[in-house]
């Protein structure tokens, strides 16, 4: 049984930082491309960052220079470090795991809410 469990969301002021974690089980973690996606109210789910099994990353333009993704294969965990947060970063953030398929056909976590507000 595959499980992706996100944590680390919350309320933060503009300009602040948060680190999200996603702990995976039930998969050969090191072989999977891991990703973070987000969905704001009334909008479609969108890519934030992904990291391949080889460590290559793919980022949305909106978060370049502010967000970073990393993985710890020994802990089966992927992280999203978010700096210089803006109100428009407010969304539910989802962890995704995929292997030789699209993100839509991969595994998803339950999501964690990130709210950026003063």
N, C-alpha and C. Protein backbone atom coordinates (compact mmCIF):
# COMPACT_ATOMS: atom_id res chain seq x y z
N UNK A 1 0.85 -1.20 0.00
CA UNK A 1 0.00 0.00 0.00
C UNK A 1 0.88 1.24 0.00
N UNK A 2 0.65 2.10 -0.98
CA UNK A 2 1.45 3.31 -1.11
C UNK A 2 0.84 4.42 -0.25
N UNK A 3 1.70 5.08 0.49
CA UNK A 3 1.26 6.23 1.28
C UNK A 3 2.24 7.38 1.10
N UNK A 4 1.71 8.57 0.89
CA UNK A 4 2.48 9.80 0.87
C UNK A 4 1.86 10.71 1.92
N UNK A 5 2.64 11.09 2.92
CA UNK A 5 2.12 11.88 4.02
C UNK A 5 2.86 13.20 4.10
N UNK A 6 2.14 14.28 3.79
CA UNK A 6 2.73 15.61 3.83
C UNK A 6 2.62 16.21 5.23
N UNK A 7 3.55 17.09 5.54
CA UNK A 7 3.50 17.83 6.80
C UNK A 7 4.25 19.15 6.62
N UNK A 8 4.02 20.07 7.55
CA UNK A 8 4.77 21.31 7.55
C UNK A 8 4.03 22.53 7.07
N UNK A 9 2.79 22.35 6.64
CA UNK A 9 2.02 23.50 6.20
C UNK A 9 1.59 24.37 7.37
N UNK A 10 1.01 25.52 7.05
CA UNK A 10 0.54 26.41 8.10
C UNK A 10 0.35 27.82 7.60
N UNK A 11 0.22 28.73 8.54
CA UNK A 11 0.04 30.15 8.26
C UNK A 11 1.38 30.86 8.43
N UNK A 12 1.74 31.66 7.44
CA UNK A 12 3.00 32.40 7.50
C UNK A 12 2.78 33.79 6.92
N UNK A 13 3.53 34.74 7.40
CA UNK A 13 3.42 36.11 6.88
C UNK A 13 4.16 36.23 5.55
N UNK A 14 3.76 37.17 4.73
CA UNK A 14 4.50 37.43 3.49
C UNK A 14 5.97 37.68 3.77
N UNK A 15 6.83 37.08 2.94
CA UNK A 15 8.26 37.17 3.14
C UNK A 15 8.83 36.08 4.01
N UNK A 16 7.96 35.31 4.63
CA UNK A 16 8.40 34.24 5.52
C UNK A 16 8.78 32.96 4.78
N UNK A 17 9.11 31.95 5.58
CA UNK A 17 9.56 30.66 5.04
C UNK A 17 8.81 29.51 5.69
N UNK A 18 8.69 28.43 4.94
CA UNK A 18 8.15 27.17 5.44
C UNK A 18 8.90 26.05 4.76
N UNK A 19 8.97 24.91 5.44
CA UNK A 19 9.50 23.71 4.81
C UNK A 19 8.46 22.60 4.91
N UNK A 20 8.07 22.10 3.76
CA UNK A 20 7.15 20.98 3.71
C UNK A 20 7.93 19.68 3.58
N UNK A 21 7.38 18.63 4.18
CA UNK A 21 7.97 17.30 4.08
C UNK A 21 6.92 16.33 3.55
N UNK A 22 7.39 15.32 2.85
CA UNK A 22 6.50 14.26 2.36
C UNK A 22 7.22 12.94 2.59
N UNK A 23 6.66 12.15 3.48
CA UNK A 23 7.23 10.84 3.78
C UNK A 23 6.49 9.78 2.98
N UNK A 24 7.25 8.98 2.26
CA UNK A 24 6.67 7.97 1.38
C UNK A 24 6.89 6.57 1.93
N UNK A 25 5.93 5.71 1.68
CA UNK A 25 6.07 4.30 2.02
C UNK A 25 5.36 3.47 0.96
N UNK A 26 5.79 2.23 0.82
CA UNK A 26 5.15 1.34 -0.14
C UNK A 26 5.67 1.43 -1.55
N UNK A 27 6.71 2.24 -1.76
CA UNK A 27 7.34 2.36 -3.08
C UNK A 27 8.85 2.26 -2.93
N UNK A 28 9.52 1.96 -4.04
CA UNK A 28 10.98 2.02 -4.05
C UNK A 28 11.33 3.48 -4.29
N UNK A 29 11.41 4.22 -3.21
CA UNK A 29 11.46 5.69 -3.24
C UNK A 29 12.55 6.20 -4.17
N UNK A 30 13.71 5.61 -4.11
CA UNK A 30 14.85 6.14 -4.87
C UNK A 30 14.63 6.07 -6.38
N UNK A 31 13.72 5.24 -6.83
CA UNK A 31 13.47 5.08 -8.26
C UNK A 31 12.42 6.04 -8.80
N UNK A 32 11.73 6.71 -7.90
CA UNK A 32 10.59 7.53 -8.29
C UNK A 32 10.97 9.00 -8.48
N UNK A 33 10.34 9.63 -9.46
CA UNK A 33 10.34 11.08 -9.53
C UNK A 33 9.33 11.59 -8.51
N UNK A 34 9.80 12.50 -7.67
CA UNK A 34 8.94 13.07 -6.63
C UNK A 34 8.64 14.53 -6.99
N UNK A 35 7.46 14.95 -6.63
CA UNK A 35 7.09 16.32 -6.98
C UNK A 35 6.16 16.95 -5.98
N UNK A 36 6.13 18.27 -6.05
CA UNK A 36 5.18 19.07 -5.29
C UNK A 36 4.30 19.82 -6.29
N UNK A 37 3.02 19.78 -6.05
CA UNK A 37 2.04 20.49 -6.83
C UNK A 37 1.17 21.29 -5.87
N UNK A 38 0.47 22.26 -6.39
CA UNK A 38 -0.41 23.05 -5.53
C UNK A 38 -1.70 23.40 -6.24
N UNK A 39 -2.72 23.63 -5.43
CA UNK A 39 -4.02 24.01 -5.98
C UNK A 39 -4.61 25.10 -5.11
N UNK A 40 -4.80 26.26 -5.71
CA UNK A 40 -5.43 27.37 -5.03
C UNK A 40 -6.94 27.31 -5.27
N UNK A 41 -7.73 27.94 -4.41
CA UNK A 41 -9.19 27.92 -4.59
C UNK A 41 -9.60 28.43 -5.97
N UNK A 42 -10.42 27.66 -6.64
CA UNK A 42 -10.93 28.05 -7.95
C UNK A 42 -9.96 27.89 -9.09
N UNK A 43 -8.79 27.29 -8.82
CA UNK A 43 -7.78 27.12 -9.87
C UNK A 43 -7.43 25.64 -10.03
N UNK A 44 -6.81 25.34 -11.16
CA UNK A 44 -6.37 23.97 -11.40
C UNK A 44 -5.09 23.68 -10.62
N UNK A 45 -4.89 22.40 -10.37
CA UNK A 45 -3.64 21.98 -9.73
C UNK A 45 -2.48 22.27 -10.69
N UNK A 46 -1.38 22.79 -10.13
CA UNK A 46 -0.25 23.14 -10.97
C UNK A 46 1.05 22.63 -10.38
N UNK A 47 2.01 22.44 -11.28
CA UNK A 47 3.34 22.01 -10.88
C UNK A 47 4.03 23.10 -10.07
N UNK A 48 4.73 22.68 -9.02
CA UNK A 48 5.62 23.57 -8.29
C UNK A 48 7.06 23.19 -8.61
N UNK A 49 7.45 22.02 -8.18
CA UNK A 49 8.80 21.52 -8.42
C UNK A 49 8.77 20.00 -8.46
N UNK A 50 9.62 19.42 -9.29
CA UNK A 50 9.84 17.99 -9.25
C UNK A 50 11.33 17.70 -9.16
N UNK A 51 11.64 16.50 -8.66
CA UNK A 51 13.02 16.04 -8.59
C UNK A 51 13.05 14.58 -9.03
N UNK A 52 13.90 14.30 -10.00
CA UNK A 52 13.97 12.95 -10.54
C UNK A 52 14.80 12.05 -9.63
N UNK A 53 14.83 10.78 -9.99
CA UNK A 53 15.63 9.82 -9.23
C UNK A 53 17.11 10.17 -9.31
N UNK A 54 17.51 10.84 -10.38
CA UNK A 54 18.91 11.22 -10.55
C UNK A 54 19.22 12.58 -9.92
N UNK A 55 18.19 13.24 -9.41
CA UNK A 55 18.39 14.52 -8.75
C UNK A 55 18.13 15.74 -9.61
N UNK A 56 17.75 15.54 -10.86
CA UNK A 56 17.41 16.67 -11.70
C UNK A 56 16.09 17.29 -11.28
N UNK A 57 15.99 18.59 -11.40
CA UNK A 57 14.79 19.29 -10.95
C UNK A 57 14.11 20.04 -12.09
N UNK A 58 12.82 20.24 -11.91
CA UNK A 58 12.01 21.02 -12.85
C UNK A 58 11.14 21.94 -12.01
N UNK A 59 11.14 23.22 -12.37
CA UNK A 59 10.48 24.21 -11.51
C UNK A 59 9.51 25.07 -12.30
N UNK A 60 8.44 25.45 -11.65
CA UNK A 60 7.55 26.46 -12.22
C UNK A 60 8.26 27.81 -12.18
N UNK A 61 8.04 28.62 -13.19
CA UNK A 61 8.69 29.93 -13.24
C UNK A 61 8.34 30.78 -12.02
N UNK A 62 7.14 30.62 -11.53
CA UNK A 62 6.66 31.47 -10.44
C UNK A 62 7.40 31.26 -9.12
N UNK A 63 8.11 30.15 -8.99
CA UNK A 63 8.79 29.87 -7.72
C UNK A 63 10.31 29.82 -7.86
N UNK A 64 10.81 30.03 -9.07
CA UNK A 64 12.26 29.97 -9.28
C UNK A 64 12.97 31.02 -8.42
N UNK A 65 14.03 30.59 -7.77
CA UNK A 65 14.79 31.49 -6.91
C UNK A 65 14.22 31.62 -5.51
N UNK A 66 13.02 31.10 -5.29
CA UNK A 66 12.39 31.19 -3.96
C UNK A 66 12.18 29.83 -3.31
N UNK A 67 11.82 28.84 -4.10
CA UNK A 67 11.54 27.50 -3.59
C UNK A 67 12.63 26.54 -4.04
N UNK A 68 12.86 25.51 -3.24
CA UNK A 68 13.81 24.47 -3.60
C UNK A 68 13.28 23.12 -3.16
N UNK A 69 13.56 22.11 -3.97
CA UNK A 69 13.14 20.75 -3.65
C UNK A 69 14.38 19.91 -3.39
N UNK A 70 14.26 18.98 -2.46
CA UNK A 70 15.35 18.07 -2.17
C UNK A 70 14.77 16.74 -1.74
N UNK A 71 15.60 15.72 -1.76
CA UNK A 71 15.14 14.39 -1.35
C UNK A 71 16.20 13.71 -0.51
N UNK A 72 15.72 12.89 0.41
CA UNK A 72 16.60 12.07 1.24
C UNK A 72 16.15 10.63 1.03
N UNK A 73 16.87 9.93 0.18
CA UNK A 73 16.47 8.56 -0.15
C UNK A 73 16.59 7.62 1.05
N UNK A 74 17.45 7.93 1.98
CA UNK A 74 17.60 7.10 3.17
C UNK A 74 16.38 7.21 4.08
N UNK A 75 15.70 8.36 4.00
CA UNK A 75 14.52 8.58 4.84
C UNK A 75 13.22 8.49 4.04
N UNK A 76 13.31 8.18 2.74
CA UNK A 76 12.11 8.11 1.89
C UNK A 76 11.28 9.39 2.00
N UNK A 77 11.97 10.52 1.99
CA UNK A 77 11.31 11.80 2.21
C UNK A 77 11.77 12.82 1.19
N UNK A 78 10.80 13.61 0.73
CA UNK A 78 11.09 14.73 -0.16
C UNK A 78 10.67 16.00 0.56
N UNK A 79 11.43 17.06 0.33
CA UNK A 79 11.20 18.32 1.02
C UNK A 79 10.94 19.44 0.02
N UNK A 80 10.19 20.43 0.47
CA UNK A 80 10.01 21.65 -0.30
C UNK A 80 10.32 22.82 0.62
N UNK A 81 11.42 23.47 0.37
CA UNK A 81 11.80 24.66 1.12
C UNK A 81 11.24 25.88 0.39
N UNK A 82 10.41 26.63 1.09
CA UNK A 82 9.75 27.78 0.49
C UNK A 82 10.20 29.04 1.22
N UNK A 83 10.83 29.93 0.50
CA UNK A 83 11.31 31.21 1.04
C UNK A 83 10.62 32.37 0.32
N UNK A 84 10.70 33.52 0.93
CA UNK A 84 10.11 34.74 0.34
C UNK A 84 8.68 34.50 -0.11
N UNK A 85 7.91 33.92 0.76
CA UNK A 85 6.54 33.55 0.42
C UNK A 85 5.68 34.77 0.14
N UNK A 86 4.78 34.59 -0.82
CA UNK A 86 3.87 35.64 -1.23
C UNK A 86 2.43 35.18 -1.01
N UNK A 87 1.50 36.12 -0.90
CA UNK A 87 0.09 35.72 -0.75
C UNK A 87 -0.38 34.80 -1.87
N UNK A 88 0.14 34.99 -3.07
CA UNK A 88 -0.28 34.14 -4.19
C UNK A 88 0.26 32.71 -4.10
N UNK A 89 1.11 32.44 -3.14
CA UNK A 89 1.56 31.07 -2.89
C UNK A 89 0.55 30.29 -2.04
N UNK A 90 -0.47 30.96 -1.57
CA UNK A 90 -1.49 30.30 -0.76
C UNK A 90 -2.19 29.23 -1.58
N UNK A 91 -2.18 28.00 -1.06
CA UNK A 91 -2.77 26.87 -1.77
C UNK A 91 -2.67 25.63 -0.90
N UNK A 92 -3.33 24.58 -1.35
CA UNK A 92 -3.07 23.25 -0.80
C UNK A 92 -1.92 22.65 -1.61
N UNK A 93 -0.92 22.20 -0.90
CA UNK A 93 0.27 21.63 -1.55
C UNK A 93 0.22 20.11 -1.46
N UNK A 94 0.41 19.47 -2.60
CA UNK A 94 0.31 18.02 -2.70
C UNK A 94 1.66 17.41 -3.10
N UNK A 95 1.96 16.31 -2.49
CA UNK A 95 3.14 15.51 -2.85
C UNK A 95 2.72 14.49 -3.91
N UNK A 96 3.61 14.25 -4.85
CA UNK A 96 3.33 13.29 -5.93
C UNK A 96 4.53 12.38 -6.12
N UNK A 97 4.25 11.12 -6.40
CA UNK A 97 5.29 10.15 -6.72
C UNK A 97 4.91 9.46 -8.02
N UNK A 98 5.84 9.42 -8.96
CA UNK A 98 5.54 8.76 -10.22
C UNK A 98 6.76 8.00 -10.73
N UNK A 99 6.48 6.91 -11.45
CA UNK A 99 7.54 6.10 -12.02
C UNK A 99 7.18 5.77 -13.45
N UNK A 100 7.88 6.33 -14.37
CA UNK A 100 7.70 6.09 -15.80
C UNK A 100 6.25 6.33 -16.23
N UNK A 101 5.63 7.35 -15.65
CA UNK A 101 4.28 7.73 -16.03
C UNK A 101 4.09 9.21 -15.75
N UNK A 102 2.92 9.72 -16.09
CA UNK A 102 2.65 11.13 -15.82
C UNK A 102 2.32 11.31 -14.35
N UNK A 103 2.41 12.57 -13.90
CA UNK A 103 2.06 12.87 -12.51
C UNK A 103 0.61 12.49 -12.22
N UNK A 104 -0.26 12.74 -13.20
CA UNK A 104 -1.68 12.45 -12.99
C UNK A 104 -1.92 10.97 -12.70
N UNK A 105 -1.05 10.13 -13.25
CA UNK A 105 -1.21 8.69 -13.06
C UNK A 105 -0.35 8.16 -11.94
N UNK A 106 0.30 9.06 -11.21
CA UNK A 106 1.13 8.65 -10.09
C UNK A 106 0.34 8.59 -8.80
N UNK A 107 1.08 8.61 -7.70
CA UNK A 107 0.45 8.58 -6.38
C UNK A 107 0.44 9.99 -5.79
N UNK A 108 -0.62 10.27 -5.03
CA UNK A 108 -0.79 11.60 -4.43
C UNK A 108 -0.95 11.50 -2.92
N UNK A 109 -0.43 12.51 -2.23
CA UNK A 109 -0.71 12.65 -0.82
C UNK A 109 -2.04 13.35 -0.60
N UNK A 110 -2.36 13.56 0.66
CA UNK A 110 -3.67 14.15 0.99
C UNK A 110 -3.65 15.67 0.93
N UNK A 111 -2.46 16.25 0.87
CA UNK A 111 -2.33 17.70 0.77
C UNK A 111 -2.13 18.36 2.12
N UNK A 112 -1.45 19.49 2.09
CA UNK A 112 -1.25 20.30 3.29
C UNK A 112 -1.47 21.77 2.93
N UNK A 113 -2.20 22.47 3.78
CA UNK A 113 -2.57 23.85 3.48
C UNK A 113 -1.43 24.79 3.83
N UNK A 114 -1.12 25.67 2.89
CA UNK A 114 -0.18 26.77 3.13
C UNK A 114 -0.93 28.07 2.90
N UNK A 115 -0.94 28.92 3.91
CA UNK A 115 -1.61 30.21 3.82
C UNK A 115 -0.60 31.31 4.11
N UNK A 116 -0.47 32.23 3.15
CA UNK A 116 0.46 33.34 3.30
C UNK A 116 -0.38 34.61 3.46
N UNK A 117 -0.35 35.15 4.65
CA UNK A 117 -1.20 36.31 4.94
C UNK A 117 -0.65 37.07 6.14
N UNK A 118 -0.88 38.37 6.12
CA UNK A 118 -0.48 39.19 7.26
C UNK A 118 -1.64 39.38 8.23
